[in-house]
Protein backbone atom coordinates (compact mmCIF):
# COMPACT_ATOMS: atom_id res chain seq x y z
CA GLN A 1 -11.12 3.13 15.96
CA VAL A 2 -10.22 2.64 11.52
CA GLN A 3 -9.18 -1.11 10.97
CA LEU A 4 -6.78 -2.22 7.91
CA VAL A 5 -6.81 -5.66 6.90
CA GLU A 6 -4.08 -7.18 4.06
CA SER A 7 -4.53 -10.12 2.18
CA GLY A 8 -3.47 -11.41 -2.02
CA GLY A 9 0.40 -12.13 -0.68
CA GLY A 10 2.13 -15.48 -1.28
CA SER A 11 5.10 -16.82 -3.15
CA VAL A 12 5.65 -16.80 -7.10
CA GLN A 13 8.15 -16.94 -9.34
CA THR A 14 10.22 -14.28 -10.95
CA GLY A 15 8.36 -12.37 -13.53
CA GLU A 16 4.60 -13.31 -12.01
CA SER A 17 2.40 -11.21 -10.99
CA LEU A 18 0.19 -10.26 -7.51
CA ARG A 19 -2.87 -8.16 -6.26
CA LEU A 20 -2.53 -7.41 -3.09
CA THR A 21 -6.24 -6.33 -1.34
CA CYS A 22 -6.44 -4.34 2.51
CA VAL A 23 -9.87 -4.29 3.14
CA ALA A 24 -10.47 -0.49 5.90
CA SER A 25 -13.19 -0.49 8.71
CA GLY A 26 -14.30 2.52 11.14
CA TYR A 27 -14.21 5.25 8.15
CA THR A 28 -17.59 7.41 8.80
CA GLY A 29 -17.50 8.32 4.93
CA GLY A 30 -14.48 11.22 5.43
CA SER A 31 -12.02 11.95 2.85
CA HIS A 32 -8.46 10.04 4.30
CA SER A 33 -5.40 8.66 1.97
CA MET A 34 -4.64 5.35 2.11
CA GLY A 35 -1.46 3.31 0.87
CA TRP A 36 1.43 0.67 0.72
CA PHE A 37 4.32 -0.19 1.74
CA ARG A 38 6.88 -2.11 1.94
CA GLN A 39 9.56 -3.70 4.57
CA ALA A 40 12.35 -6.78 3.74
CA PRO A 41 13.94 -8.56 5.50
CA GLY A 42 16.56 -5.67 7.25
CA LYS A 43 16.02 -3.49 5.12
CA GLU A 44 14.02 -0.34 6.52
CA ARG A 45 10.11 0.39 5.74
CA GLU A 46 10.10 2.32 2.25
CA GLY A 47 6.65 3.66 0.66
CA VAL A 48 5.27 1.38 -2.18
CA ALA A 49 2.29 3.31 -3.77
CA VAL A 50 0.04 6.26 -1.86
CA ILE A 51 -3.33 6.92 -2.98
CA ASP A 52 -5.46 10.07 -1.92
CA ASP A 53 -9.26 9.44 -2.40
CA THR A 54 -9.98 12.21 -5.63
CA GLY A 55 -7.64 9.35 -7.03
CA ILE A 56 -3.86 11.34 -6.51
CA ALA A 57 -1.00 8.79 -6.72
CA SER A 58 1.89 8.60 -5.58
CA TYR A 59 4.76 5.64 -6.79
CA ALA A 60 8.38 5.18 -5.48
CA ASP A 61 10.20 5.74 -8.44
CA SER A 62 11.76 2.18 -8.39
CA LEU A 63 8.11 0.79 -8.59
CA LYS A 64 6.62 3.16 -11.43
CA GLY A 65 5.52 0.75 -13.94
CA ARG A 66 5.28 -2.26 -12.54
CA PHE A 67 2.90 -0.89 -9.44
CA THR A 68 -0.23 0.08 -9.74
CA ILE A 69 -2.47 1.18 -6.41
CA SER A 70 -6.21 1.59 -7.44
CA GLN A 71 -8.80 2.19 -4.53
CA ASP A 72 -13.19 1.03 -4.23
CA ASN A 73 -13.69 4.07 -2.12
CA SER A 74 -17.04 2.61 -1.71
CA LYS A 75 -16.12 -0.04 -0.42
CA ASN A 76 -13.24 1.29 1.74
CA ILE A 77 -10.79 -1.19 0.19
CA LEU A 78 -7.66 -0.71 -1.71
CA TYR A 79 -5.21 -2.86 -4.02
CA LEU A 80 -2.00 -3.20 -5.12
CA GLN A 81 -1.50 -4.47 -8.47
CA MET A 82 1.86 -5.96 -8.63
CA ASN A 83 3.45 -7.56 -12.36
CA SER A 84 6.81 -8.37 -13.24
CA LEU A 85 7.86 -9.52 -9.32
CA ALA A 86 11.40 -9.38 -9.28
CA PRO A 87 13.16 -11.57 -5.63
CA GLU A 88 14.04 -7.92 -4.54
CA ASP A 89 10.27 -7.37 -4.31
CA THR A 90 10.71 -9.89 -1.54
CA ALA A 91 9.47 -7.82 1.80
CA MET A 92 6.41 -7.79 4.23
CA TYR A 93 3.59 -5.10 2.58
CA TYR A 94 1.10 -2.92 4.63
CA CYS A 95 -1.55 -1.50 4.38
CA ALA A 96 -1.95 1.86 5.64
CA ALA A 97 -4.54 5.13 5.95
CA THR A 98 -4.99 8.70 7.16
CA LYS A 99 -7.69 9.78 10.14
CA GLU A 100 -10.73 11.00 8.36
CA ASN A 101 -10.75 14.54 6.99
CA GLY A 102 -7.48 15.33 8.40
CA ASP A 103 -5.59 18.79 6.78
CA TYR A 104 -4.73 17.90 3.52
CA VAL A 105 -1.30 16.13 2.29
CA PRO A 106 -0.05 15.14 -0.86
CA PRO A 107 0.94 11.41 -1.66
CA HIS A 108 4.12 12.01 -2.86
CA TRP A 109 5.17 13.80 1.30
CA ARG A 110 2.71 10.48 3.22
CA LEU A 111 5.23 8.04 0.66
CA GLU A 112 8.20 9.70 1.95
CA ALA A 113 7.43 10.66 5.28
CA LYS A 114 8.38 8.32 8.30
CA ASN A 115 5.10 9.35 10.03
CA GLY A 116 2.53 10.23 7.57
CA MET A 117 0.36 7.80 7.99
CA ASP A 118 -1.75 6.61 11.39
CA TYR A 119 -3.47 3.39 10.85
CA TRP A 120 -1.12 0.32 10.46
CA GLY A 121 -2.80 -3.51 9.09
CA LYS A 122 -0.14 -6.48 10.06
CA GLY A 123 1.28 -7.27 6.87
CA THR A 124 1.09 -9.64 4.30
CA LEU A 125 3.98 -11.24 3.14
CA VAL A 126 5.15 -11.63 -0.56
CA THR A 127 8.15 -13.68 -1.62
CA VAL A 128 9.33 -13.85 -4.83
CA SER A 129 11.67 -16.57 -6.30
CA SER A 130 14.09 -16.59 -8.99
């Protein structure tokens, strides 16, 4: 069973940066995709960024240029660098991942689909104050 553990959330002020980390365990070396999603209070969950194991990434249009997703495949660690944070970025951020060796689906599809990922972490809270 794959498990995902997020860290790195916290409280920051407008304009500051944070880096989120997600450590995945339970993978046996097969291909899979990982991503970040977020849910703000009173809003639906939305995709932030998804990356496949070749490094192809897709971002929510509103976040391009401020957020960067990256991964260390050898260690199954996923990162999200968030710059120029604003109060509207306040949300619970979730790490998500797919099963190993499944059918290939482009990251942009997984980003936009409601059920595009198979495993979810418990989330890390990011709060941005003005």
